[in-house]
Amino acid sequence: MVSIMLREVCSVKVVNPRVVTAIPCGLTEVEKRAAVNAVSSFGAR
């Protein structure tokens, strides 16, 4: 879902972008890692 949405809004391919993403308070390390993997699927640096 994230990859498809980002491809729609980026007119040119973003090369290794840096990404800031919000997470709820009190997440476990596993839940944080899942969030990181999801948003980095687009090729985040």
PDB file of all heavy atoms in Angstrom:
ATOM      1  N   MET A   1       0.828  -1.211   0.000  1.00  0.00           N
ATOM      2  CA  MET A   1       0.000   0.000   0.000  1.00  0.00           C
ATOM      3  C   MET A   1       0.860   1.259   0.000  1.00  0.00           C
ATOM      4  O   MET A   1       0.633   2.195  -0.779  1.00  0.00           O
ATOM      5  CB  MET A   1      -0.928  -0.014   1.224  1.00  0.00           C
ATOM      6  CG  MET A   1      -1.884   1.170   1.318  1.00  0.00           C
ATOM      7  SD  MET A   1      -2.944   1.056   2.776  1.00  0.00           S
ATOM      8  CE  MET A   1      -1.747   1.461   4.075  1.00  0.00           C
ATOM      9  N   VAL A   2       1.871   1.297   0.868  1.00  0.00           N
ATOM     10  CA  VAL A   2       2.744   2.465   0.955  1.00  0.00           C
ATOM     11  C   VAL A   2       3.503   2.677  -0.349  1.00  0.00           C
ATOM     12  O   VAL A   2       3.611   3.801  -0.858  1.00  0.00           O
ATOM     13  CB  VAL A   2       3.722   2.322   2.141  1.00  0.00           C
ATOM     14  CG1 VAL A   2       4.775   3.410   2.103  1.00  0.00           C
ATOM     15  CG2 VAL A   2       2.965   2.371   3.464  1.00  0.00           C
ATOM     16  N   SER A   3       4.030   1.601  -0.923  1.00  0.00           N
ATOM     17  CA  SER A   3       4.795   1.708  -2.169  1.00  0.00           C
ATOM     18  C   SER A   3       3.939   2.267  -3.299  1.00  0.00           C
ATOM     19  O   SER A   3       4.365   3.150  -4.053  1.00  0.00           O
ATOM     20  CB  SER A   3       5.352   0.338  -2.570  1.00  0.00           C
ATOM     21  OG  SER A   3       6.281  -0.126  -1.617  1.00  0.00           O
ATOM     22  N   ILE A   4       2.703   1.760  -3.412  1.00  0.00           N
ATOM     23  CA  ILE A   4       1.812   2.223  -4.488  1.00  0.00           C
ATOM     24  C   ILE A   4       1.440   3.683  -4.285  1.00  0.00           C
ATOM     25  O   ILE A   4       1.453   4.487  -5.233  1.00  0.00           O
ATOM     26  CB  ILE A   4       0.547   1.339  -4.546  1.00  0.00           C
ATOM     27  CG1 ILE A   4       0.921  -0.082  -4.990  1.00  0.00           C
ATOM     28  CG2 ILE A   4      -0.490   1.936  -5.495  1.00  0.00           C
ATOM     29  CD1 ILE A   4      -0.214  -1.083  -4.876  1.00  0.00           C
ATOM     30  N   MET A   5       1.124   4.069  -3.049  1.00  0.00           N
ATOM     31  CA  MET A   5       0.739   5.455  -2.773  1.00  0.00           C
ATOM     32  C   MET A   5       1.880   6.419  -3.055  1.00  0.00           C
ATOM     33  O   MET A   5       1.688   7.488  -3.637  1.00  0.00           O
ATOM     34  CB  MET A   5       0.280   5.592  -1.319  1.00  0.00           C
ATOM     35  CG  MET A   5      -1.088   4.994  -1.028  1.00  0.00           C
ATOM     36  SD  MET A   5      -1.570   5.249   0.694  1.00  0.00           S
ATOM     37  CE  MET A   5      -3.269   4.653   0.660  1.00  0.00           C
ATOM     38  N   LEU A   6       3.098   6.050  -2.646  1.00  0.00           N
ATOM     39  CA  LEU A   6       4.235   6.934  -2.863  1.00  0.00           C
ATOM     40  C   LEU A   6       4.572   7.066  -4.349  1.00  0.00           C
ATOM     41  O   LEU A   6       4.980   8.136  -4.800  1.00  0.00           O
ATOM     42  CB  LEU A   6       5.449   6.442  -2.082  1.00  0.00           C
ATOM     43  CG  LEU A   6       5.408   6.676  -0.569  1.00  0.00           C
ATOM     44  CD1 LEU A   6       6.619   6.068   0.101  1.00  0.00           C
ATOM     45  CD2 LEU A   6       5.328   8.167  -0.246  1.00  0.00           C
ATOM     46  N   ARG A   7       4.394   5.995  -5.097  1.00  0.00           N
ATOM     47  CA  ARG A   7       4.634   6.077  -6.542  1.00  0.00           C
ATOM     48  C   ARG A   7       3.652   7.036  -7.205  1.00  0.00           C
ATOM     49  O   ARG A   7       3.974   7.690  -8.197  1.00  0.00           O
ATOM     50  CB  ARG A   7       4.534   4.693  -7.185  1.00  0.00           C
ATOM     51  CG  ARG A   7       5.773   3.818  -6.970  1.00  0.00           C
ATOM     52  CD  ARG A   7       5.818   2.684  -7.976  1.00  0.00           C
ATOM     53  NE  ARG A   7       4.716   1.757  -7.781  1.00  0.00           N
ATOM     54  CZ  ARG A   7       4.772   0.672  -7.013  1.00  0.00           C
ATOM     55  NH1 ARG A   7       5.889   0.397  -6.346  1.00  0.00           N
ATOM     56  NH2 ARG A   7       3.740  -0.135  -6.902  1.00  0.00           N
ATOM     57  N   GLU A   8       2.437   7.130  -6.641  1.00  0.00           N
ATOM     58  CA  GLU A   8       1.425   8.024  -7.216  1.00  0.00           C
ATOM     59  C   GLU A   8       1.769   9.500  -7.011  1.00  0.00           C
ATOM     60  O   GLU A   8       1.495  10.322  -7.885  1.00  0.00           O
ATOM     61  CB  GLU A   8       0.056   7.732  -6.588  1.00  0.00           C
ATOM     62  CG  GLU A   8      -0.559   6.399  -7.001  1.00  0.00           C
ATOM     63  CD  GLU A   8      -1.870   6.135  -6.305  1.00  0.00           C
ATOM     64  OE1 GLU A   8      -2.273   6.973  -5.466  1.00  0.00           O
ATOM     65  OE2 GLU A   8      -2.489   5.096  -6.578  1.00  0.00           O
ATOM     66  N   VAL A   9       2.371   9.833  -5.875  1.00  0.00           N
ATOM     67  CA  VAL A   9       2.586  11.248  -5.558  1.00  0.00           C
ATOM     68  C   VAL A   9       3.973  11.738  -5.936  1.00  0.00           C
ATOM     69  O   VAL A   9       4.218  12.944  -5.948  1.00  0.00           O
ATOM     70  CB  VAL A   9       2.342  11.528  -4.053  1.00  0.00           C
ATOM     71  CG1 VAL A   9       0.908  11.230  -3.680  1.00  0.00           C
ATOM     72  CG2 VAL A   9       3.294  10.727  -3.174  1.00  0.00           C
ATOM     73  N   CYS A  10       4.881  10.842  -6.235  1.00  0.00           N
ATOM     74  CA  CYS A  10       6.232  11.244  -6.625  1.00  0.00           C
ATOM     75  C   CYS A  10       6.327  11.244  -8.144  1.00  0.00           C
ATOM     76  O   CYS A  10       6.294  10.189  -8.782  1.00  0.00           O
ATOM     77  CB  CYS A  10       7.277  10.300  -6.024  1.00  0.00           C
ATOM     78  SG  CYS A  10       7.342  10.366  -4.226  1.00  0.00           S
ATOM     79  N   SER A  11       6.432  12.436  -8.738  1.00  0.00           N
ATOM     80  CA  SER A  11       6.470  12.552 -10.196  1.00  0.00           C
ATOM     81  C   SER A  11       7.742  11.930 -10.767  1.00  0.00           C
ATOM     82  O   SER A  11       7.760  11.412 -11.865  1.00  0.00           O
ATOM     83  CB  SER A  11       6.368  14.019 -10.611  1.00  0.00           C
ATOM     84  OG  SER A  11       7.376  14.781  -9.977  1.00  0.00           O
ATOM     85  N   VAL A  12       8.819  12.010 -10.007  1.00  0.00           N
ATOM     86  CA  VAL A  12      10.064  11.348 -10.406  1.00  0.00           C
ATOM     87  C   VAL A  12      10.438  10.378  -9.301  1.00  0.00           C
ATOM     88  O   VAL A  12      10.030  10.537  -8.154  1.00  0.00           O
ATOM     89  CB  VAL A  12      11.211  12.369 -10.614  1.00  0.00           C
ATOM     90  CG1 VAL A  12      10.892  13.276 -11.779  1.00  0.00           C
ATOM     91  CG2 VAL A  12      11.465  13.175  -9.354  1.00  0.00           C
ATOM     92  N   LYS A  13      11.207   9.374  -9.639  1.00  0.00           N
ATOM     93  CA  LYS A  13      11.580   8.373  -8.641  1.00  0.00           C
ATOM     94  C   LYS A  13      12.451   9.003  -7.572  1.00  0.00           C
ATOM     95  O   LYS A  13      13.453   9.654  -7.860  1.00  0.00           O
ATOM     96  CB  LYS A  13      12.321   7.204  -9.294  1.00  0.00           C
ATOM     97  CG  LYS A  13      12.681   6.115  -8.279  1.00  0.00           C
ATOM     98  CD  LYS A  13      13.148   4.874  -8.962  1.00  0.00           C
ATOM     99  CE  LYS A  13      13.563   3.815  -7.957  1.00  0.00           C
ATOM    100  NZ  LYS A  13      12.502   3.456  -7.036  1.00  0.00           N
ATOM    101  N   VAL A  14      12.028   8.830  -6.321  1.00  0.00           N
ATOM    102  CA  VAL A  14      12.797   9.350  -5.202  1.00  0.00           C
ATOM    103  C   VAL A  14      13.904   8.350  -4.880  1.00  0.00           C
ATOM    104  O   VAL A  14      13.638   7.177  -4.610  1.00  0.00           O
ATOM    105  CB  VAL A  14      11.887   9.569  -3.969  1.00  0.00           C
ATOM    106  CG1 VAL A  14      12.697  10.115  -2.815  1.00  0.00           C
ATOM    107  CG2 VAL A  14      10.751  10.514  -4.314  1.00  0.00           C
ATOM    108  N   VAL A  15      15.141   8.800  -4.928  1.00  0.00           N
ATOM    109  CA  VAL A  15      16.277   7.919  -4.700  1.00  0.00           C
ATOM    110  C   VAL A  15      16.675   7.964  -3.226  1.00  0.00           C
ATOM    111  O   VAL A  15      17.097   9.001  -2.728  1.00  0.00           O
ATOM    112  CB  VAL A  15      17.466   8.311  -5.589  1.00  0.00           C
ATOM    113  CG1 VAL A  15      18.633   7.370  -5.343  1.00  0.00           C
ATOM    114  CG2 VAL A  15      17.058   8.292  -7.058  1.00  0.00           C
ATOM    115  N   ASN A  16      16.485   6.861  -2.550  1.00  0.00           N
ATOM    116  CA  ASN A  16      16.884   6.726  -1.150  1.00  0.00           C
ATOM    117  C   ASN A  16      16.481   7.924  -0.285  1.00  0.00           C
ATOM    118  O   ASN A  16      17.321   8.619   0.272  1.00  0.00           O
ATOM    119  CB  ASN A  16      18.402   6.528  -1.064  1.00  0.00           C
ATOM    120  CG  ASN A  16      18.842   5.243  -1.722  1.00  0.00           C
ATOM    121  OD1 ASN A  16      18.105   4.264  -1.727  1.00  0.00           O
ATOM    122  ND2 ASN A  16      20.037   5.241  -2.274  1.00  0.00           N
ATOM    123  N   PRO A  17      15.189   8.189  -0.167  1.00  0.00           N
ATOM    124  CA  PRO A  17      14.768   9.317   0.665  1.00  0.00           C
ATOM    125  C   PRO A  17      14.947   9.013   2.145  1.00  0.00           C
ATOM    126  O   PRO A  17      15.024   7.847   2.552  1.00  0.00           O
ATOM    127  CB  PRO A  17      13.285   9.462   0.327  1.00  0.00           C
ATOM    128  CG  PRO A  17      12.855   8.059   0.008  1.00  0.00           C
ATOM    129  CD  PRO A  17      14.038   7.442  -0.694  1.00  0.00           C
ATOM    130  N   ARG A  18      15.020  10.045   2.945  1.00  0.00           N
ATOM    131  CA  ARG A  18      14.965   9.894   4.402  1.00  0.00           C
ATOM    132  C   ARG A  18      13.515  10.144   4.815  1.00  0.00           C
ATOM    133  O   ARG A  18      12.891  11.099   4.351  1.00  0.00           O
ATOM    134  CB  ARG A  18      15.924  10.865   5.074  1.00  0.00           C
ATOM    135  CG  ARG A  18      17.387  10.545   4.796  1.00  0.00           C
ATOM    136  CD  ARG A  18      18.336  11.494   5.480  1.00  0.00           C
ATOM    137  NE  ARG A  18      18.183  12.856   5.001  1.00  0.00           N
ATOM    138  CZ  ARG A  18      18.958  13.884   5.372  1.00  0.00           C
ATOM    139  NH1 ARG A  18      19.947  13.674   6.231  1.00  0.00           N
ATOM    140  NH2 ARG A  18      18.761  15.092   4.899  1.00  0.00           N
ATOM    141  N   VAL A  19      13.025   9.293   5.694  1.00  0.00           N
ATOM    142  CA  VAL A  19      11.597   9.305   6.024  1.00  0.00           C
ATOM    143  C   VAL A  19      11.392   9.524   7.517  1.00  0.00           C
ATOM    144  O   VAL A  19      12.055   8.890   8.347  1.00  0.00           O
ATOM    145  CB  VAL A  19      10.917   7.982   5.598  1.00  0.00           C
ATOM    146  CG1 VAL A  19       9.437   7.999   5.945  1.00  0.00           C
ATOM    147  CG2 VAL A  19      11.105   7.733   4.110  1.00  0.00           C
ATOM    148  N   VAL A  20      10.455  10.420   7.857  1.00  0.00           N
ATOM    149  CA  VAL A  20      10.012  10.607   9.232  1.00  0.00           C
ATOM    150  C   VAL A  20       8.595  10.057   9.327  1.00  0.00           C
ATOM    151  O   VAL A  20       7.732  10.414   8.515  1.00  0.00           O
ATOM    152  CB  VAL A  20      10.017  12.095   9.640  1.00  0.00           C
ATOM    153  CG1 VAL A  20       9.415  12.266  11.037  1.00  0.00           C
ATOM    154  CG2 VAL A  20      11.430  12.647   9.613  1.00  0.00           C
ATOM    155  N   THR A  21       8.346   9.165  10.269  1.00  0.00           N
ATOM    156  CA  THR A  21       7.012   8.599  10.420  1.00  0.00           C
ATOM    157  C   THR A  21       6.588   8.582  11.878  1.00  0.00           C
ATOM    158  O   THR A  21       7.411   8.400  12.780  1.00  0.00           O
ATOM    159  CB  THR A  21       6.950   7.166   9.829  1.00  0.00           C
ATOM    160  OG1 THR A  21       5.596   6.700   9.863  1.00  0.00           O
ATOM    161  CG2 THR A  21       7.820   6.196  10.620  1.00  0.00           C
ATOM    162  N   ALA A  22       5.302   8.798  12.108  1.00  0.00           N
ATOM    163  CA  ALA A  22       4.762   8.850  13.476  1.00  0.00           C
ATOM    164  C   ALA A  22       4.341   7.467  13.941  1.00  0.00           C
ATOM    165  O   ALA A  22       3.836   6.661  13.158  1.00  0.00           O
ATOM    166  CB  ALA A  22       3.574   9.804  13.533  1.00  0.00           C
ATOM    167  N   ILE A  23       4.556   7.202  15.213  1.00  0.00           N
ATOM    168  CA  ILE A  23       4.147   5.931  15.815  1.00  0.00           C
ATOM    169  C   ILE A  23       3.426   6.215  17.134  1.00  0.00           C
ATOM    170  O   ILE A  23       3.703   7.224  17.792  1.00  0.00           O
ATOM    171  CB  ILE A  23       5.350   4.998  16.088  1.00  0.00           C
ATOM    172  CG1 ILE A  23       6.368   5.686  17.006  1.00  0.00           C
ATOM    173  CG2 ILE A  23       5.988   4.554  14.788  1.00  0.00           C
ATOM    174  CD1 ILE A  23       7.441   4.758  17.531  1.00  0.00           C
ATOM    175  N   PRO A  24       2.483   5.358  17.545  1.00  0.00           N
ATOM    176  CA  PRO A  24       1.834   5.536  18.850  1.00  0.00           C
ATOM    177  C   PRO A  24       2.834   5.384  19.995  1.00  0.00           C
ATOM    178  O   PRO A  24       3.909   4.784  19.837  1.00  0.00           O
ATOM    179  CB  PRO A  24       0.785   4.410  18.888  1.00  0.00           C
ATOM    180  CG  PRO A  24       0.583   4.022  17.456  1.00  0.00           C
ATOM    181  CD  PRO A  24       1.898   4.252  16.783  1.00  0.00           C
ATOM    182  N   CYS A  25       2.483   5.895  21.146  1.00  0.00           N
ATOM    183  CA  CYS A  25       3.339   5.760  22.331  1.00  0.00           C
ATOM    184  C   CYS A  25       3.370   4.307  22.805  1.00  0.00           C
ATOM    185  O   CYS A  25       2.391   3.575  22.658  1.00  0.00           O
ATOM    186  CB  CYS A  25       2.808   6.633  23.468  1.00  0.00           C
ATOM    187  SG  CYS A  25       2.826   8.388  23.124  1.00  0.00           S
ATOM    188  N   GLY A  26       4.492   3.927  23.371  1.00  0.00           N
ATOM    189  CA  GLY A  26       4.582   2.638  24.046  1.00  0.00           C
ATOM    190  C   GLY A  26       4.655   1.424  23.153  1.00  0.00           C
ATOM    191  O   GLY A  26       4.328   0.310  23.597  1.00  0.00           O
ATOM    192  N   LEU A  27       5.077   1.584  21.898  1.00  0.00           N
ATOM    193  CA  LEU A  27       5.207   0.425  21.032  1.00  0.00           C
ATOM    194  C   LEU A  27       6.402  -0.424  21.459  1.00  0.00           C
ATOM    195  O   LEU A  27       7.405   0.085  21.942  1.00  0.00           O
ATOM    196  CB  LEU A  27       5.402   0.855  19.575  1.00  0.00           C
ATOM    197  CG  LEU A  27       4.221   1.480  18.831  1.00  0.00           C
ATOM    198  CD1 LEU A  27       4.547   1.585  17.347  1.00  0.00           C
ATOM    199  CD2 LEU A  27       2.943   0.702  19.034  1.00  0.00           C
ATOM    200  N   THR A  28       6.285  -1.721  21.236  1.00  0.00           N
ATOM    201  CA  THR A  28       7.415  -2.616  21.490  1.00  0.00           C
ATOM    202  C   THR A  28       8.436  -2.466  20.360  1.00  0.00           C
ATOM    203  O   THR A  28       8.144  -1.891  19.305  1.00  0.00           O
ATOM    204  CB  THR A  28       6.947  -4.074  21.561  1.00  0.00           C
ATOM    205  OG1 THR A  28       6.445  -4.466  20.271  1.00  0.00           O
ATOM    206  CG2 THR A  28       5.855  -4.245  22.605  1.00  0.00           C
ATOM    207  N   GLU A  29       9.626  -3.010  20.570  1.00  0.00           N
ATOM    208  CA  GLU A  29      10.662  -2.929  19.542  1.00  0.00           C
ATOM    209  C   GLU A  29      10.224  -3.657  18.268  1.00  0.00           C
ATOM    210  O   GLU A  29      10.549  -3.230  17.155  1.00  0.00           O
ATOM    211  CB  GLU A  29      11.965  -3.532  20.077  1.00  0.00           C
ATOM    212  CG  GLU A  29      13.182  -3.230  19.225  1.00  0.00           C
ATOM    213  CD  GLU A  29      13.464  -1.743  19.096  1.00  0.00           C
ATOM    214  OE1 GLU A  29      13.243  -1.002  20.069  1.00  0.00           O
ATOM    215  OE2 GLU A  29      13.906  -1.327  18.002  1.00  0.00           O
ATOM    216  N   VAL A  30       9.480  -4.742  18.426  1.00  0.00           N
ATOM    217  CA  VAL A  30       8.985  -5.494  17.266  1.00  0.00           C
ATOM    218  C   VAL A  30       8.006  -4.650  16.467  1.00  0.00           C
ATOM    219  O   VAL A  30       8.045  -4.613  15.223  1.00  0.00           O
ATOM    220  CB  VAL A  30       8.319  -6.814  17.715  1.00  0.00           C
ATOM    221  CG1 VAL A  30       7.644  -7.502  16.535  1.00  0.00           C
ATOM    222  CG2 VAL A  30       9.347  -7.735  18.346  1.00  0.00           C
ATOM    223  N   GLU A  31       7.101  -3.953  17.157  1.00  0.00           N
ATOM    224  CA  GLU A  31       6.123  -3.110  16.475  1.00  0.00           C
ATOM    225  C   GLU A  31       6.796  -1.925  15.789  1.00  0.00           C
ATOM    226  O   GLU A  31       6.400  -1.522  14.687  1.00  0.00           O
ATOM    227  CB  GLU A  31       5.070  -2.629  17.475  1.00  0.00           C
ATOM    228  CG  GLU A  31       4.144  -3.744  17.959  1.00  0.00           C
ATOM    229  CD  GLU A  31       3.284  -3.322  19.133  1.00  0.00           C
ATOM    230  OE1 GLU A  31       3.699  -2.428  19.913  1.00  0.00           O
ATOM    231  OE2 GLU A  31       2.193  -3.899  19.299  1.00  0.00           O
ATOM    232  N   LYS A  32       7.838  -1.375  16.433  1.00  0.00           N
ATOM    233  CA  LYS A  32       8.587  -0.285  15.795  1.00  0.00           C
ATOM    234  C   LYS A  32       9.274  -0.770  14.523  1.00  0.00           C
ATOM    235  O   LYS A  32       9.253  -0.105  13.487  1.00  0.00           O
ATOM    236  CB  LYS A  32       9.637   0.268  16.765  1.00  0.00           C
ATOM    237  CG  LYS A  32       9.081   1.063  17.926  1.00  0.00           C
ATOM    238  CD  LYS A  32      10.200   1.545  18.836  1.00  0.00           C
ATOM    239  CE  LYS A  32       9.660   2.296  20.040  1.00  0.00           C
ATOM    240  NZ  LYS A  32      10.733   2.727  20.957  1.00  0.00           N
ATOM    241  N   ARG A  33       9.873  -1.957  14.605  1.00  0.00           N
ATOM    242  CA  ARG A  33      10.571  -2.505  13.448  1.00  0.00           C
ATOM    243  C   ARG A  33       9.600  -2.775  12.304  1.00  0.00           C
ATOM    244  O   ARG A  33       9.935  -2.576  11.126  1.00  0.00           O
ATOM    245  CB  ARG A  33      11.292  -3.791  13.859  1.00  0.00           C
ATOM    246  CG  ARG A  33      12.013  -4.508  12.737  1.00  0.00           C
ATOM    247  CD  ARG A  33      13.047  -3.643  12.049  1.00  0.00           C
ATOM    248  NE  ARG A  33      14.154  -3.300  12.922  1.00  0.00           N
ATOM    249  CZ  ARG A  33      15.187  -2.576  12.530  1.00  0.00           C
ATOM    250  NH1 ARG A  33      15.231  -2.104  11.282  1.00  0.00           N
ATOM    251  NH2 ARG A  33      16.164  -2.280  13.371  1.00  0.00           N
ATOM    252  N   ALA A  34       8.383  -3.214  12.625  1.00  0.00           N
ATOM    253  CA  ALA A  34       7.373  -3.446  11.580  1.00  0.00           C
ATOM    254  C   ALA A  34       7.015  -2.146  10.871  1.00  0.00           C
ATOM    255  O   ALA A  34       6.859  -2.116   9.644  1.00  0.00           O
ATOM    256  CB  ALA A  34       6.126  -4.077  12.196  1.00  0.00           C
ATOM    257  N   ALA A  35       6.901  -1.054  11.645  1.00  0.00           N
ATOM    258  CA  ALA A  35       6.612   0.251  11.046  1.00  0.00           C
ATOM    259  C   ALA A  35       7.748   0.705  10.148  1.00  0.00           C
ATOM    260  O   ALA A  35       7.537   1.232   9.055  1.00  0.00           O
ATOM    261  CB  ALA A  35       6.353   1.275  12.149  1.00  0.00           C
ATOM    262  N   VAL A  36       8.977   0.494  10.608  1.00  0.00           N
ATOM    263  CA  VAL A  36      10.150   0.874   9.816  1.00  0.00           C
ATOM    264  C   VAL A  36      10.198   0.087   8.512  1.00  0.00           C
ATOM    265  O   VAL A  36      10.424   0.651   7.426  1.00  0.00           O
ATOM    266  CB  VAL A  36      11.446   0.644  10.631  1.00  0.00           C
ATOM    267  CG1 VAL A  36      12.673   0.794   9.739  1.00  0.00           C
ATOM    268  CG2 VAL A  36      11.521   1.613  11.792  1.00  0.00           C
ATOM    269  N   ASN A  37       9.961  -1.214   8.572  1.00  0.00           N
ATOM    270  CA  ASN A  37       9.988  -2.048   7.371  1.00  0.00           C
ATOM    271  C   ASN A  37       8.923  -1.626   6.363  1.00  0.00           C
ATOM    272  O   ASN A  37       9.140  -1.660   5.148  1.00  0.00           O
ATOM    273  CB  ASN A  37       9.798  -3.520   7.740  1.00  0.00           C
ATOM    274  CG  ASN A  37      10.985  -4.095   8.489  1.00  0.00           C
ATOM    275  OD1 ASN A  37      12.083  -3.547   8.437  1.00  0.00           O
ATOM    276  ND2 ASN A  37      10.768  -5.189   9.195  1.00  0.00           N
ATOM    277  N   ALA A  38       7.756  -1.223   6.894  1.00  0.00           N
ATOM    278  CA  ALA A  38       6.659  -0.836   6.006  1.00  0.00           C
ATOM    279  C   ALA A  38       6.994   0.419   5.208  1.00  0.00           C
ATOM    280  O   ALA A  38       6.800   0.456   3.991  1.00  0.00           O
ATOM    281  CB  ALA A  38       5.387  -0.618   6.818  1.00  0.00           C
ATOM    282  N   VAL A  39       7.515   1.442   5.884  1.00  0.00           N
ATOM    283  CA  VAL A  39       7.768   2.707   5.186  1.00  0.00           C
ATOM    284  C   VAL A  39       9.081   2.673   4.412  1.00  0.00           C
ATOM    285  O   VAL A  39       9.287   3.497   3.512  1.00  0.00           O
ATOM    286  CB  VAL A  39       7.763   3.902   6.158  1.00  0.00           C
ATOM    287  CG1 VAL A  39       6.418   4.029   6.836  1.00  0.00           C
ATOM    288  CG2 VAL A  39       8.858   3.775   7.208  1.00  0.00           C
ATOM    289  N   SER A  40       9.966   1.746   4.734  1.00  0.00           N
ATOM    290  CA  SER A  40      11.233   1.666   4.005  1.00  0.00           C
ATOM    291  C   SER A  40      11.130   0.805   2.754  1.00  0.00           C
ATOM    292  O   SER A  40      12.089   0.685   1.993  1.00  0.00           O
ATOM    293  CB  SER A  40      12.342   1.119   4.908  1.00  0.00           C
ATOM    294  OG  SER A  40      12.044  -0.201   5.327  1.00  0.00           O
ATOM    295  N   SER A  41       9.945   0.210   2.518  1.00  0.00           N
ATOM    296  CA  SER A  41       9.766  -0.646   1.344  1.00  0.00           C
ATOM    297  C   SER A  41       9.905   0.135   0.046  1.00  0.00           C
ATOM    298  O   SER A  41      10.120  -0.437  -1.018  1.00  0.00           O
ATOM    299  CB  SER A  41       8.393  -1.328   1.397  1.00  0.00           C
ATOM    300  OG  SER A  41       7.354  -0.364   1.416  1.00  0.00           O
ATOM    301  N   PHE A  42       9.769   1.458   0.141  1.00  0.00           N
ATOM    302  CA  PHE A  42       9.891   2.309  -1.041  1.00  0.00           C
ATOM    303  C   PHE A  42      11.356   2.598  -1.357  1.00  0.00           C
ATOM    304  O   PHE A  42      11.666   3.240  -2.351  1.00  0.00           O
ATOM    305  CB  PHE A  42       9.122   3.613  -0.805  1.00  0.00           C
ATOM    306  CG  PHE A  42       8.973   4.481  -2.019  1.00  0.00           C
ATOM    307  CD1 PHE A  42       8.272   4.034  -3.124  1.00  0.00           C
ATOM    308  CD2 PHE A  42       9.539   5.746  -2.070  1.00  0.00           C
ATOM    309  CE1 PHE A  42       8.124   4.836  -4.249  1.00  0.00           C
ATOM    310  CE2 PHE A  42       9.403   6.545  -3.187  1.00  0.00           C
ATOM    311  CZ  PHE A  42       8.691   6.099  -4.275  1.00  0.00           C
ATOM    312  N   GLY A  43      12.255   2.119  -0.515  1.00  0.00           N
ATOM    313  CA  GLY A  43      13.679   2.335  -0.742  1.00  0.00           C
ATOM    314  C   GLY A  43      14.255   3.457   0.094  1.00  0.00           C
ATOM    315  O   GLY A  43      15.152   4.178  -0.363  1.00  0.00           O
ATOM    316  N   ALA A  44      13.769   3.603   1.320  1.00  0.00           N
ATOM    317  CA  ALA A  44      14.245   4.681   2.187  1.00  0.00           C
ATOM    318  C   ALA A  44      15.677   4.441   2.642  1.00  0.00           C
ATOM    319  O   ALA A  44      16.068   3.308   2.937  1.00  0.00           O
ATOM    320  CB  ALA A  44      13.343   4.817   3.407  1.00  0.00           C
ATOM    321  N   ARG A  45      16.448   5.527   2.693  1.00  0.00           N
ATOM    322  CA  ARG A  45      17.825   5.430   3.176  1.00  0.00           C
ATOM    323  C   ARG A  45      17.853   5.280   4.687  1.00  0.00           C
ATOM    324  O   ARG A  45      18.591   4.478   5.229  1.00  0.00           O
ATOM    325  CB  ARG A  45      18.603   6.684   2.739  1.00  0.00           C
ATOM    326  CG  ARG A  45      20.050   6.692   3.184  1.00  0.00           C
ATOM    327  CD  ARG A  45      20.862   7.707   2.399  1.00  0.00           C
ATOM    328  NE  ARG A  45      20.687   9.060   2.865  1.00  0.00           N
ATOM    329  CZ  ARG A  45      20.105  10.032   2.173  1.00  0.00           C
ATOM    330  NH1 ARG A  45      19.607   9.789   0.978  1.00  0.00           N
ATOM    331  NH2 ARG A  45      20.009  11.254   2.646  1.00  0.00           N
TER     332      ARG A  45
END
